[in-house]
Amino acid sequence: MALAIVGDAVAAVGGLLAGVLNYMTDIFLTAPMKATLKHLEDTELKTLTGDIKTFKAKCLWEKSGAVIMAVRLLILSCVQEAAELSSLKPQLDQLGVPLYAVVKEDVGTEVQNFRPYFKGEIFLDEKRRFYGPRERKMGLLAFLRLGVWFNGLRAFRKGFLGNVLGEGFVLGGVFVIGRDQQGILLEHREMEFGDKVNISEVLHAARRVAREL
């Protein structure tokens, strides 16, 4: 009985501490702004393999829809999220909805090291439009958030490592975009490092693309 009471007290204090720290760091975090289809479709992307080509992002989804991950940094929880999205690849293929990722930079061999975890094509978004329209950064204050530590530890325990090259403070997200003018069916914005999308919601949105084709 005594141990249970102590355990409950520790959990309560931990929850209170996490709430206070999150509130303090939220003050310095820019609120997300919903992306419009126009904002995303005008994005210029570059291929990262073979002959480098530049194209408008709308080519990725205008005929089939698409699931697109905007990668923050190729490490730990981002790598875990990529692997979880990739686990949907067989079902997405059946629906005819492709899986893509965009990165904001191509540093060293980080993209090549990321490819084993991600089963879709990867493109470069140099102007970081998939990270906007209001770009959001979480600086060193992120490490005051208990959720960031728990997310990183969970990914590490599952064997996801990655690397720490490049800029890692601009928050990413995941989009499910319908064909033509069907619009953005799901927009997940990372609220802290390791804030992963719910893959069940991704699959549900992808099924909407297929149903409304």
N, C-alpha and C. Protein backbone atom coordinates (compact mmCIF):
# COMPACT_ATOMS: atom_id res chain seq x y z
N MET A 1 0.83 -1.21 0.00
CA MET A 1 0.00 0.00 0.00
C MET A 1 0.87 1.26 0.00
N ALA A 2 1.90 1.27 0.87
CA ALA A 2 2.78 2.44 0.97
C ALA A 2 3.49 2.69 -0.34
N LEU A 3 3.97 1.59 -0.97
CA LEU A 3 4.68 1.73 -2.24
C LEU A 3 3.75 2.29 -3.32
N ALA A 4 2.50 1.87 -3.30
CA ALA A 4 1.53 2.36 -4.28
C ALA A 4 1.30 3.85 -4.10
N ILE A 5 1.21 4.29 -2.84
CA ILE A 5 1.00 5.71 -2.56
C ILE A 5 2.20 6.53 -3.02
N VAL A 6 3.41 6.02 -2.73
CA VAL A 6 4.63 6.70 -3.16
C VAL A 6 4.67 6.78 -4.69
N GLY A 7 4.31 5.65 -5.33
CA GLY A 7 4.32 5.62 -6.79
C GLY A 7 3.36 6.64 -7.38
N ASP A 8 2.16 6.73 -6.79
CA ASP A 8 1.17 7.70 -7.26
C ASP A 8 1.67 9.13 -7.06
N ALA A 9 2.34 9.35 -5.93
CA ALA A 9 2.84 10.70 -5.64
C ALA A 9 3.93 11.09 -6.63
N VAL A 10 4.83 10.15 -6.91
CA VAL A 10 5.91 10.42 -7.87
C VAL A 10 5.33 10.71 -9.25
N ALA A 11 4.33 9.92 -9.64
CA ALA A 11 3.69 10.13 -10.95
C ALA A 11 3.02 11.50 -11.01
N ALA A 12 2.36 11.89 -9.92
CA ALA A 12 1.68 13.18 -9.88
C ALA A 12 2.68 14.33 -9.98
N VAL A 13 3.77 14.21 -9.22
CA VAL A 13 4.81 15.26 -9.25
C VAL A 13 5.44 15.31 -10.63
N GLY A 14 5.70 14.13 -11.21
CA GLY A 14 6.30 14.09 -12.55
C GLY A 14 5.38 14.72 -13.58
N GLY A 15 4.08 14.44 -13.47
CA GLY A 15 3.13 15.03 -14.40
C GLY A 15 3.06 16.54 -14.26
N LEU A 16 3.09 17.00 -13.01
CA LEU A 16 3.06 18.44 -12.75
C LEU A 16 4.31 19.11 -13.30
N LEU A 17 5.47 18.50 -13.08
CA LEU A 17 6.73 19.05 -13.55
C LEU A 17 6.75 19.12 -15.08
N ALA A 18 6.28 18.04 -15.71
CA ALA A 18 6.24 18.02 -17.18
C ALA A 18 5.32 19.12 -17.70
N GLY A 19 4.17 19.31 -17.04
CA GLY A 19 3.24 20.34 -17.46
C GLY A 19 3.84 21.73 -17.35
N VAL A 20 4.53 21.99 -16.24
CA VAL A 20 5.15 23.30 -16.03
C VAL A 20 6.24 23.56 -17.06
N LEU A 21 7.09 22.56 -17.31
CA LEU A 21 8.18 22.72 -18.28
C LEU A 21 7.63 22.91 -19.69
N ASN A 22 6.59 22.15 -20.03
CA ASN A 22 5.98 22.31 -21.36
C ASN A 22 5.39 23.70 -21.53
N TYR A 23 4.72 24.18 -20.47
CA TYR A 23 4.13 25.53 -20.53
C TYR A 23 5.21 26.58 -20.74
N MET A 24 6.31 26.45 -20.02
CA MET A 24 7.39 27.43 -20.12
C MET A 24 8.02 27.44 -21.50
N THR A 25 8.21 26.26 -22.08
CA THR A 25 8.84 26.21 -23.40
C THR A 25 7.85 26.55 -24.51
N ASP A 26 6.56 26.27 -24.29
CA ASP A 26 5.54 26.64 -25.29
C ASP A 26 5.50 28.14 -25.53
N ILE A 27 5.84 28.91 -24.51
CA ILE A 27 5.83 30.37 -24.63
C ILE A 27 6.76 30.82 -25.75
N PHE A 28 7.86 30.09 -25.94
CA PHE A 28 8.87 30.49 -26.92
C PHE A 28 8.70 29.76 -28.26
N LEU A 29 7.67 28.92 -28.38
CA LEU A 29 7.46 28.15 -29.60
C LEU A 29 6.39 28.83 -30.46
N THR A 30 6.74 29.12 -31.68
CA THR A 30 5.80 29.73 -32.62
C THR A 30 4.66 28.77 -32.91
N ALA A 31 3.45 29.27 -32.88
CA ALA A 31 2.28 28.44 -33.17
C ALA A 31 2.28 28.04 -34.64
N PRO A 32 1.87 26.82 -34.95
CA PRO A 32 1.85 26.39 -36.36
C PRO A 32 0.78 27.11 -37.15
N MET A 33 1.02 27.26 -38.44
CA MET A 33 0.05 27.83 -39.36
C MET A 33 -0.28 26.78 -40.40
N LYS A 34 -1.56 26.56 -40.64
CA LYS A 34 -1.96 25.55 -41.60
C LYS A 34 -1.41 25.88 -42.99
N ALA A 35 -0.90 24.87 -43.66
CA ALA A 35 -0.43 25.05 -45.04
C ALA A 35 -1.63 25.03 -45.98
N THR A 36 -1.54 25.77 -47.06
CA THR A 36 -2.56 25.71 -48.11
C THR A 36 -2.03 24.85 -49.24
N LEU A 37 -2.95 24.33 -50.03
CA LEU A 37 -2.54 23.52 -51.18
C LEU A 37 -1.69 24.36 -52.13
N LYS A 38 -2.06 25.62 -52.31
CA LYS A 38 -1.31 26.51 -53.19
C LYS A 38 0.13 26.67 -52.70
N HIS A 39 0.29 26.84 -51.40
CA HIS A 39 1.64 27.00 -50.83
C HIS A 39 2.51 25.78 -51.12
N LEU A 40 1.94 24.59 -50.96
CA LEU A 40 2.73 23.37 -51.14
C LEU A 40 2.97 23.05 -52.61
N GLU A 41 1.95 23.23 -53.45
CA GLU A 41 2.09 22.78 -54.84
C GLU A 41 3.09 23.61 -55.63
N ASP A 42 3.35 24.85 -55.19
CA ASP A 42 4.34 25.70 -55.88
C ASP A 42 5.77 25.45 -55.41
N THR A 43 5.93 24.56 -54.45
CA THR A 43 7.27 24.26 -53.93
C THR A 43 8.14 23.63 -55.01
N GLU A 44 9.36 24.10 -55.13
CA GLU A 44 10.32 23.50 -56.05
C GLU A 44 11.14 22.46 -55.30
N LEU A 45 11.08 21.23 -55.79
CA LEU A 45 11.83 20.12 -55.20
C LEU A 45 12.93 19.68 -56.15
N LYS A 46 13.97 19.09 -55.58
CA LYS A 46 15.08 18.55 -56.38
C LYS A 46 15.25 17.07 -56.09
N THR A 47 15.56 16.33 -57.14
CA THR A 47 15.89 14.92 -56.96
C THR A 47 17.27 14.80 -56.33
N LEU A 48 17.53 13.68 -55.70
CA LEU A 48 18.81 13.48 -55.00
C LEU A 48 19.60 12.31 -55.56
N THR A 49 19.09 11.69 -56.59
CA THR A 49 19.81 10.59 -57.24
C THR A 49 19.84 10.81 -58.74
N GLY A 50 20.86 10.27 -59.38
CA GLY A 50 20.98 10.40 -60.83
C GLY A 50 21.17 11.85 -61.25
N ASP A 51 20.68 12.18 -62.44
CA ASP A 51 20.74 13.57 -62.91
C ASP A 51 19.80 14.42 -62.05
N ILE A 52 20.33 15.50 -61.49
CA ILE A 52 19.54 16.35 -60.62
C ILE A 52 18.49 17.10 -61.44
N LYS A 53 17.25 16.94 -61.04
CA LYS A 53 16.14 17.60 -61.72
C LYS A 53 15.33 18.40 -60.71
N THR A 54 14.77 19.51 -61.18
CA THR A 54 13.91 20.35 -60.35
C THR A 54 12.49 20.28 -60.89
N PHE A 55 11.51 20.18 -60.01
CA PHE A 55 10.13 20.07 -60.45
C PHE A 55 9.21 20.65 -59.38
N LYS A 56 7.98 20.94 -59.77
CA LYS A 56 6.98 21.45 -58.83
C LYS A 56 6.42 20.30 -58.00
N ALA A 57 6.22 20.55 -56.72
CA ALA A 57 5.80 19.49 -55.81
C ALA A 57 4.45 18.90 -56.19
N LYS A 58 3.59 19.66 -56.83
CA LYS A 58 2.25 19.16 -57.15
C LYS A 58 2.30 17.93 -58.05
N CYS A 59 3.44 17.72 -58.73
CA CYS A 59 3.59 16.52 -59.57
C CYS A 59 3.52 15.24 -58.74
N LEU A 60 3.82 15.36 -57.44
CA LEU A 60 3.83 14.18 -56.58
C LEU A 60 2.43 13.64 -56.29
N TRP A 61 1.44 14.53 -56.29
CA TRP A 61 0.11 14.09 -55.85
C TRP A 61 -1.04 14.39 -56.81
N GLU A 62 -0.81 15.14 -57.88
CA GLU A 62 -1.94 15.61 -58.67
C GLU A 62 -2.74 14.50 -59.34
N LYS A 63 -2.12 13.34 -59.57
CA LYS A 63 -2.84 12.24 -60.21
C LYS A 63 -3.20 11.10 -59.27
N SER A 64 -2.54 11.04 -58.12
CA SER A 64 -2.75 9.87 -57.26
C SER A 64 -2.87 10.20 -55.78
N GLY A 65 -2.65 11.46 -55.40
CA GLY A 65 -2.51 11.77 -53.99
C GLY A 65 -1.14 11.32 -53.51
N ALA A 66 -0.80 11.62 -52.26
CA ALA A 66 0.51 11.22 -51.74
C ALA A 66 0.57 11.40 -50.23
N VAL A 67 1.42 10.60 -49.61
CA VAL A 67 1.80 10.78 -48.20
C VAL A 67 3.22 11.33 -48.22
N ILE A 68 3.42 12.47 -47.56
CA ILE A 68 4.72 13.15 -47.62
C ILE A 68 5.20 13.48 -46.21
N MET A 69 6.39 13.03 -45.90
CA MET A 69 7.01 13.32 -44.60
C MET A 69 8.03 14.44 -44.78
N ALA A 70 7.89 15.52 -44.01
CA ALA A 70 8.88 16.59 -43.98
C ALA A 70 9.82 16.28 -42.82
N VAL A 71 11.01 15.85 -43.13
CA VAL A 71 11.94 15.31 -42.12
C VAL A 71 12.69 16.44 -41.43
N ARG A 72 12.68 16.41 -40.10
CA ARG A 72 13.42 17.42 -39.33
C ARG A 72 14.91 17.12 -39.32
N LEU A 73 15.29 15.97 -38.83
CA LEU A 73 16.70 15.57 -38.72
C LEU A 73 16.74 14.06 -38.77
N LEU A 74 17.73 13.53 -39.45
CA LEU A 74 17.77 12.08 -39.69
C LEU A 74 18.36 11.36 -38.49
N ILE A 75 17.63 11.41 -37.36
CA ILE A 75 18.13 10.82 -36.13
C ILE A 75 16.97 10.32 -35.27
N LEU A 76 17.21 9.29 -34.50
CA LEU A 76 16.33 8.77 -33.46
C LEU A 76 14.86 8.76 -33.86
N SER A 77 14.04 9.63 -33.24
CA SER A 77 12.60 9.56 -33.44
C SER A 77 12.18 9.87 -34.86
N CYS A 78 12.94 10.70 -35.58
CA CYS A 78 12.61 10.95 -36.99
C CYS A 78 12.81 9.68 -37.82
N VAL A 79 13.87 8.96 -37.52
CA VAL A 79 14.12 7.69 -38.19
C VAL A 79 13.05 6.68 -37.82
N GLN A 80 12.64 6.67 -36.55
CA GLN A 80 11.57 5.78 -36.13
C GLN A 80 10.27 6.10 -36.85
N GLU A 81 9.94 7.38 -36.96
CA GLU A 81 8.72 7.77 -37.66
C GLU A 81 8.78 7.35 -39.13
N ALA A 82 9.94 7.50 -39.75
CA ALA A 82 10.10 7.08 -41.14
C ALA A 82 9.85 5.58 -41.29
N ALA A 83 10.37 4.81 -40.35
CA ALA A 83 10.17 3.35 -40.40
C ALA A 83 8.70 3.00 -40.19
N GLU A 84 8.02 3.70 -39.29
CA GLU A 84 6.60 3.43 -39.05
C GLU A 84 5.76 3.78 -40.27
N LEU A 85 6.07 4.90 -40.92
CA LEU A 85 5.35 5.25 -42.14
C LEU A 85 5.64 4.22 -43.24
N SER A 86 6.87 3.76 -43.29
CA SER A 86 7.25 2.76 -44.30
C SER A 86 6.53 1.44 -44.09
N SER A 87 6.13 1.16 -42.85
CA SER A 87 5.39 -0.08 -42.59
C SER A 87 4.02 -0.05 -43.27
N LEU A 88 3.55 1.14 -43.64
CA LEU A 88 2.28 1.28 -44.36
C LEU A 88 2.43 1.10 -45.87
N LYS A 89 3.67 0.99 -46.34
CA LYS A 89 3.92 0.99 -47.79
C LYS A 89 3.11 -0.06 -48.54
N PRO A 90 3.03 -1.31 -48.08
CA PRO A 90 2.22 -2.30 -48.81
C PRO A 90 0.75 -1.88 -48.95
N GLN A 91 0.19 -1.32 -47.88
CA GLN A 91 -1.20 -0.88 -47.93
C GLN A 91 -1.37 0.35 -48.80
N LEU A 92 -0.41 1.26 -48.74
CA LEU A 92 -0.46 2.45 -49.59
C LEU A 92 -0.34 2.06 -51.06
N ASP A 93 0.51 1.07 -51.35
CA ASP A 93 0.65 0.60 -52.73
C ASP A 93 -0.67 0.02 -53.24
N GLN A 94 -1.36 -0.70 -52.39
CA GLN A 94 -2.66 -1.26 -52.79
C GLN A 94 -3.66 -0.15 -53.08
N LEU A 95 -3.57 0.93 -52.34
CA LEU A 95 -4.47 2.06 -52.54
C LEU A 95 -4.04 2.95 -53.70
N GLY A 96 -2.81 2.74 -54.19
CA GLY A 96 -2.30 3.57 -55.27
C GLY A 96 -1.83 4.93 -54.82
N VAL A 97 -1.50 5.05 -53.52
CA VAL A 97 -1.06 6.33 -52.96
C VAL A 97 0.43 6.22 -52.62
N PRO A 98 1.29 6.97 -53.29
CA PRO A 98 2.74 6.85 -53.06
C PRO A 98 3.19 7.51 -51.76
N LEU A 99 4.36 7.09 -51.29
CA LEU A 99 4.97 7.60 -50.06
C LEU A 99 6.25 8.34 -50.43
N TYR A 100 6.38 9.58 -49.96
CA TYR A 100 7.57 10.40 -50.24
C TYR A 100 8.07 11.06 -48.96
N ALA A 101 9.30 11.56 -49.03
CA ALA A 101 9.84 12.39 -47.96
C ALA A 101 10.56 13.58 -48.58
N VAL A 102 10.57 14.69 -47.86
CA VAL A 102 11.38 15.84 -48.26
C VAL A 102 12.33 16.15 -47.11
N VAL A 103 13.54 16.54 -47.48
CA VAL A 103 14.54 16.98 -46.50
C VAL A 103 14.91 18.42 -46.83
N LYS A 104 15.36 19.16 -45.84
CA LYS A 104 15.67 20.57 -46.06
C LYS A 104 17.12 20.81 -46.43
N GLU A 105 17.94 19.76 -46.36
CA GLU A 105 19.35 19.87 -46.73
C GLU A 105 19.89 18.48 -47.03
N ASP A 106 21.00 18.46 -47.73
CA ASP A 106 21.66 17.19 -48.08
C ASP A 106 23.11 17.29 -47.63
N VAL A 107 23.36 16.83 -46.40
CA VAL A 107 24.67 16.98 -45.78
C VAL A 107 25.37 15.63 -45.71
N GLY A 108 26.57 15.56 -46.27
CA GLY A 108 27.35 14.32 -46.21
C GLY A 108 26.58 13.13 -46.76
N THR A 109 26.56 12.06 -45.99
CA THR A 109 25.86 10.84 -46.42
C THR A 109 24.57 10.62 -45.64
N GLU A 110 24.04 11.70 -45.02
CA GLU A 110 22.89 11.52 -44.14
C GLU A 110 21.67 10.97 -44.88
N VAL A 111 21.42 11.43 -46.11
CA VAL A 111 20.25 10.93 -46.84
C VAL A 111 20.44 9.46 -47.20
N GLN A 112 21.64 9.11 -47.63
CA GLN A 112 21.92 7.71 -47.96
C GLN A 112 21.75 6.82 -46.72
N ASN A 113 22.17 7.32 -45.58
CA ASN A 113 22.03 6.54 -44.34
C ASN A 113 20.57 6.43 -43.90
N PHE A 114 19.76 7.36 -44.35
CA PHE A 114 18.33 7.39 -43.99
C PHE A 114 17.52 6.43 -44.85
N ARG A 115 17.98 6.17 -46.06
CA ARG A 115 17.20 5.39 -47.02
C ARG A 115 16.80 4.00 -46.52
N PRO A 116 17.63 3.27 -45.78
CA PRO A 116 17.19 1.95 -45.31
C PRO A 116 15.95 1.99 -44.42
N TYR A 117 15.68 3.14 -43.80
CA TYR A 117 14.53 3.25 -42.90
C TYR A 117 13.28 3.76 -43.61
N PHE A 118 13.46 4.36 -44.79
CA PHE A 118 12.33 4.98 -45.48
C PHE A 118 12.17 4.34 -46.86
N LYS A 119 10.97 3.85 -47.15
CA LYS A 119 10.73 3.06 -48.35
C LYS A 119 10.16 3.86 -49.52
N GLY A 120 10.19 5.17 -49.43
CA GLY A 120 9.71 5.99 -50.54
C GLY A 120 10.82 6.84 -51.11
N GLU A 121 10.52 7.58 -52.16
CA GLU A 121 11.50 8.49 -52.74
C GLU A 121 11.70 9.70 -51.84
N ILE A 122 12.90 10.28 -51.90
CA ILE A 122 13.27 11.41 -51.05
C ILE A 122 13.72 12.57 -51.93
N PHE A 123 13.21 13.76 -51.64
CA PHE A 123 13.54 14.94 -52.43
C PHE A 123 14.02 16.07 -51.52
N LEU A 124 14.68 17.04 -52.14
CA LEU A 124 15.25 18.17 -51.41
C LEU A 124 14.33 19.39 -51.54
N ASP A 125 13.95 19.95 -50.40
CA ASP A 125 13.14 21.16 -50.35
C ASP A 125 14.01 22.28 -49.79
N GLU A 126 14.81 22.89 -50.67
CA GLU A 126 15.81 23.86 -50.23
C GLU A 126 15.17 25.11 -49.60
N LYS A 127 14.01 25.49 -50.09
CA LYS A 127 13.36 26.69 -49.55
C LYS A 127 12.49 26.39 -48.33
N ARG A 128 12.44 25.12 -47.95
CA ARG A 128 11.78 24.66 -46.71
C ARG A 128 10.30 25.06 -46.67
N ARG A 129 9.64 24.97 -47.80
CA ARG A 129 8.22 25.35 -47.85
C ARG A 129 7.34 24.31 -47.15
N PHE A 130 7.75 23.05 -47.15
CA PHE A 130 6.98 22.04 -46.43
C PHE A 130 7.11 22.19 -44.92
N TYR A 131 8.02 23.06 -44.49
CA TYR A 131 8.21 23.31 -43.06
C TYR A 131 7.49 24.61 -42.65
N GLY A 132 6.79 25.22 -43.60
CA GLY A 132 6.07 26.47 -43.37
C GLY A 132 4.58 26.23 -43.53
N PRO A 133 3.81 27.28 -43.84
CA PRO A 133 4.25 28.62 -44.24
C PRO A 133 4.86 29.47 -43.12
N ARG A 134 4.64 29.08 -41.89
CA ARG A 134 5.32 29.75 -40.77
C ARG A 134 6.30 28.75 -40.19
N GLU A 135 7.57 28.93 -40.56
CA GLU A 135 8.60 27.99 -40.10
C GLU A 135 8.74 28.08 -38.58
N ARG A 136 8.84 26.92 -37.96
CA ARG A 136 8.86 26.86 -36.50
C ARG A 136 10.13 26.17 -36.03
N LYS A 137 10.76 26.74 -35.03
CA LYS A 137 11.98 26.16 -34.48
C LYS A 137 11.81 25.90 -32.99
N MET A 138 12.39 24.82 -32.55
CA MET A 138 12.46 24.53 -31.12
C MET A 138 13.94 24.42 -30.77
N GLY A 139 14.43 25.40 -30.06
CA GLY A 139 15.86 25.45 -29.77
C GLY A 139 16.26 24.55 -28.61
N LEU A 140 17.29 24.96 -27.91
CA LEU A 140 17.83 24.15 -26.83
C LEU A 140 16.85 23.99 -25.67
N LEU A 141 15.85 24.87 -25.61
CA LEU A 141 14.83 24.73 -24.56
C LEU A 141 14.05 23.42 -24.71
N ALA A 142 14.10 22.83 -25.92
CA ALA A 142 13.41 21.57 -26.14
C ALA A 142 13.87 20.50 -25.16
N PHE A 143 15.12 20.59 -24.76
CA PHE A 143 15.67 19.55 -23.89
C PHE A 143 15.22 19.71 -22.44
N LEU A 144 14.40 20.74 -22.17
CA LEU A 144 13.75 20.84 -20.87
C LEU A 144 12.44 20.07 -20.85
N ARG A 145 11.98 19.64 -22.01
CA ARG A 145 10.70 18.95 -22.11
C ARG A 145 10.91 17.45 -21.89
N LEU A 146 10.20 16.88 -20.92
CA LEU A 146 10.36 15.46 -20.63
C LEU A 146 9.95 14.60 -21.82
N GLY A 147 8.95 15.07 -22.58
CA GLY A 147 8.51 14.30 -23.73
C GLY A 147 9.60 14.10 -24.76
N VAL A 148 10.45 15.10 -24.93
CA VAL A 148 11.56 14.99 -25.88
C VAL A 148 12.50 13.87 -25.45
N TRP A 149 12.82 13.82 -24.16
CA TRP A 149 13.71 12.78 -23.66
C TRP A 149 13.07 11.39 -23.76
N PHE A 150 11.78 11.30 -23.43
CA PHE A 150 11.09 10.02 -23.53
C PHE A 150 11.01 9.54 -24.97
N ASN A 151 10.73 10.47 -25.90
CA ASN A 151 10.64 10.09 -27.31
C ASN A 151 11.99 9.60 -27.84
N GLY A 152 13.05 10.32 -27.47
CA GLY A 152 14.38 9.92 -27.92
C GLY A 152 14.80 8.58 -27.33
N LEU A 153 14.51 8.39 -26.03
CA LEU A 153 14.86 7.13 -25.37
C LEU A 153 14.09 5.96 -25.97
N ARG A 154 12.82 6.18 -26.26
CA ARG A 154 12.00 5.11 -26.85
C ARG A 154 12.57 4.70 -28.22
N ALA A 155 12.93 5.69 -29.02
CA ALA A 155 13.50 5.39 -30.34
C ALA A 155 14.84 4.68 -30.21
N PHE A 156 15.67 5.13 -29.25
CA PHE A 156 16.98 4.52 -29.04
C PHE A 156 16.84 3.06 -28.63
N ARG A 157 15.90 2.78 -27.73
CA ARG A 157 15.69 1.40 -27.26
C ARG A 157 15.24 0.48 -28.39
N LYS A 158 14.56 1.07 -29.39
CA LYS A 158 14.11 0.27 -30.52
C LYS A 158 15.17 0.15 -31.61
N GLY A 159 16.35 0.74 -31.35
CA GLY A 159 17.46 0.57 -32.27
C GLY A 159 17.58 1.63 -33.34
N PHE A 160 16.82 2.74 -33.21
CA PHE A 160 16.89 3.79 -34.21
C PHE A 160 17.90 4.83 -33.75
N LEU A 161 18.93 5.05 -34.60
CA LEU A 161 19.98 5.98 -34.23
C LEU A 161 20.05 7.17 -35.18
N GLY A 162 20.54 6.97 -36.41
CA GLY A 162 20.69 8.05 -37.36
C GLY A 162 21.94 8.85 -37.06
N ASN A 163 21.95 10.15 -37.44
CA ASN A 163 23.12 10.98 -37.18
C ASN A 163 22.66 12.37 -36.77
N VAL A 164 23.60 13.20 -36.38
CA VAL A 164 23.26 14.54 -35.91
C VAL A 164 23.86 15.61 -36.82
N LEU A 165 24.12 15.27 -38.07
CA LEU A 165 24.62 16.27 -39.00
C LEU A 165 23.50 17.21 -39.42
N GLY A 166 23.87 18.45 -39.72
CA GLY A 166 22.90 19.38 -40.28
C GLY A 166 22.05 20.09 -39.23
N GLU A 167 21.13 20.92 -39.74
CA GLU A 167 20.25 21.72 -38.90
C GLU A 167 19.13 20.83 -38.37
N GLY A 168 18.87 20.89 -37.05
CA GLY A 168 17.90 19.98 -36.49
C GLY A 168 16.83 20.63 -35.63
N PHE A 169 16.71 21.97 -35.70
CA PHE A 169 15.76 22.66 -34.82
C PHE A 169 14.46 23.02 -35.51
N VAL A 170 14.45 23.07 -36.86
CA VAL A 170 13.22 23.38 -37.58
C VAL A 170 12.31 22.16 -37.53
N LEU A 171 11.10 22.35 -37.01
CA LEU A 171 10.19 21.23 -36.82
C LEU A 171 9.56 20.78 -38.14
N GLY A 172 9.37 19.47 -38.26
CA GLY A 172 8.84 18.89 -39.48
C GLY A 172 7.38 18.52 -39.35
N GLY A 173 6.96 17.56 -40.17
CA GLY A 173 5.57 17.14 -40.14
C GLY A 173 5.28 16.07 -41.18
N VAL A 174 4.02 15.72 -41.28
CA VAL A 174 3.56 14.71 -42.25
C VAL A 174 2.27 15.22 -42.89
N PHE A 175 2.16 15.03 -44.21
CA PHE A 175 0.97 15.44 -44.94
C PHE A 175 0.40 14.26 -45.72
N VAL A 176 -0.91 14.20 -45.78
CA VAL A 176 -1.58 13.34 -46.75
C VAL A 176 -2.36 14.29 -47.66
N ILE A 177 -2.01 14.28 -48.94
CA ILE A 177 -2.59 15.22 -49.89
C ILE A 177 -3.36 14.44 -50.95
N GLY A 178 -4.56 14.89 -51.24
CA GLY A 178 -5.39 14.22 -52.23
C GLY A 178 -5.02 14.60 -53.65
N ARG A 179 -5.64 13.93 -54.60
CA ARG A 179 -5.36 14.21 -56.01
C ARG A 179 -6.02 15.52 -56.43
N ASP A 180 -5.46 16.12 -57.51
CA ASP A 180 -6.01 17.36 -58.07
C ASP A 180 -6.26 18.39 -56.97
N GLN A 181 -7.50 18.83 -56.84
CA GLN A 181 -7.86 19.84 -55.84
C GLN A 181 -8.58 19.23 -54.64
N GLN A 182 -8.34 17.95 -54.40
CA GLN A 182 -8.97 17.28 -53.26
C GLN A 182 -8.51 17.90 -51.95
N GLY A 183 -7.32 18.47 -51.96
CA GLY A 183 -6.84 19.22 -50.80
C GLY A 183 -5.97 18.42 -49.86
N ILE A 184 -5.62 19.06 -48.76
CA ILE A 184 -4.79 18.44 -47.72
C ILE A 184 -5.72 17.69 -46.77
N LEU A 185 -5.61 16.38 -46.77
CA LEU A 185 -6.51 15.54 -45.99
C LEU A 185 -6.01 15.31 -44.57
N LEU A 186 -4.71 15.43 -44.38
CA LEU A 186 -4.12 15.30 -43.04
C LEU A 186 -2.88 16.16 -42.98
N GLU A 187 -2.76 16.94 -41.92
CA GLU A 187 -1.57 17.76 -41.71
C GLU A 187 -1.14 17.61 -40.25
N HIS A 188 -0.05 16.92 -40.06
CA HIS A 188 0.50 16.74 -38.71
C HIS A 188 1.73 17.60 -38.57
N ARG A 189 1.73 18.49 -37.60
CA ARG A 189 2.88 19.34 -37.33
C ARG A 189 3.56 18.88 -36.05
N GLU A 190 4.86 18.70 -36.13
CA GLU A 190 5.65 18.30 -34.98
C GLU A 190 5.59 19.40 -33.92
N MET A 191 5.13 19.07 -32.71
CA MET A 191 5.02 20.06 -31.64
C MET A 191 6.25 20.06 -30.73
N GLU A 192 6.99 18.97 -30.76
CA GLU A 192 8.26 18.87 -30.05
C GLU A 192 9.06 17.77 -30.72
N PHE A 193 10.34 17.69 -30.45
CA PHE A 193 11.17 16.65 -31.05
C PHE A 193 10.58 15.28 -30.72
N GLY A 194 10.36 14.48 -31.75
CA GLY A 194 9.84 13.14 -31.53
C GLY A 194 8.34 13.04 -31.50
N ASP A 195 7.64 14.13 -31.80
CA ASP A 195 6.17 14.12 -31.84
C ASP A 195 5.73 13.49 -33.16
N LYS A 196 5.51 12.18 -33.15
CA LYS A 196 5.25 11.43 -34.38
C LYS A 196 3.78 11.45 -34.76
N VAL A 197 3.55 11.30 -36.05
CA VAL A 197 2.18 11.21 -36.56
C VAL A 197 1.57 9.86 -36.18
N ASN A 198 0.25 9.85 -36.03
CA ASN A 198 -0.48 8.60 -35.79
C ASN A 198 -0.65 7.90 -37.14
N ILE A 199 -0.02 6.75 -37.31
CA ILE A 199 -0.04 6.11 -38.63
C ILE A 199 -1.42 5.58 -38.98
N SER A 200 -2.26 5.33 -37.99
CA SER A 200 -3.64 4.92 -38.27
C SER A 200 -4.39 6.06 -38.96
N GLU A 201 -4.13 7.29 -38.52
CA GLU A 201 -4.76 8.45 -39.13
C GLU A 201 -4.23 8.66 -40.55
N VAL A 202 -2.95 8.37 -40.76
CA VAL A 202 -2.38 8.47 -42.10
C VAL A 202 -3.07 7.50 -43.05
N LEU A 203 -3.24 6.28 -42.60
CA LEU A 203 -3.88 5.27 -43.45
C LEU A 203 -5.34 5.63 -43.72
N HIS A 204 -6.02 6.15 -42.71
CA HIS A 204 -7.41 6.55 -42.88
C HIS A 204 -7.51 7.65 -43.95
N ALA A 205 -6.62 8.63 -43.89
CA ALA A 205 -6.64 9.72 -44.87
C ALA A 205 -6.29 9.20 -46.27
N ALA A 206 -5.34 8.27 -46.35
CA ALA A 206 -4.96 7.71 -47.64
C ALA A 206 -6.12 6.94 -48.26
N ARG A 207 -6.91 6.30 -47.45
CA ARG A 207 -8.10 5.59 -47.95
C ARG A 207 -9.12 6.57 -48.51
N ARG A 208 -9.17 7.75 -47.95
CA ARG A 208 -10.06 8.78 -48.50
C ARG A 208 -9.64 9.16 -49.90
N VAL A 209 -8.35 9.23 -50.14
CA VAL A 209 -7.84 9.53 -51.48
C VAL A 209 -8.35 8.48 -52.45
N ALA A 210 -8.18 7.21 -52.08
CA ALA A 210 -8.56 6.13 -52.97
C ALA A 210 -10.07 6.09 -53.20
N ARG A 211 -10.88 6.33 -52.15
CA ARG A 211 -12.33 6.29 -52.29
C ARG A 211 -12.85 7.40 -53.18
N GLU A 212 -12.17 8.55 -53.16
CA GLU A 212 -12.67 9.70 -53.89
C GLU A 212 -12.01 9.89 -55.24
N LEU A 213 -11.19 8.89 -55.66
CA LEU A 213 -10.58 8.97 -56.99
C LEU A 213 -11.64 8.91 -58.07
